[in-house]
Amino acid sequence: MEITEFQPKTVASWALPMDEIRILPIGDIQYGAQGCDLERLKLHIDWGVKNNCYFLGMGDYLDVASPSNRRMLSQVTLYDSVREMMDNKMEDELKSLLHILAPTKGRWLGLVSGHHYWEFGDGTTTDT
């Protein structure tokens, strides 16, 4: 069987006859870095919340360690206390960022990991 003619049903407007869903990406925040624009992030979040948007995490939430940094750190022997101190600092940074993201609770569709993250002693990361 072959279709020789097809007339699709269209609408005259960009807005379909159903509710629109907006998905806002949030990623490459690099929280903790000098160039991190927290005010812009907060405006993005506020607009998304006010407009009933959903969010999708795109990775690199904290500016911690690149793959080469993590590779070098894995090759050195650190005292447990040093590793614990570093984990605690990253946990504090993560909590600060989560406080900023709090208005988006329940509006996330998913998260992906970036390449700037901290791996905690238990194997979890700041991106997971």
Foldseek 3Di string as FASTA:
>chain_A
DDDDDDDDDDDPDPDDPDDDAAEAEDELQQQPDPPRDLVVVLVVLVVCLVVVYAYEYEANNHQAAAPVRVVVVVPDDDDPVVLVVVLVVLVVSLVVSCVSNVSNPPRYPYHDYDRRWDQHPVGDISRD
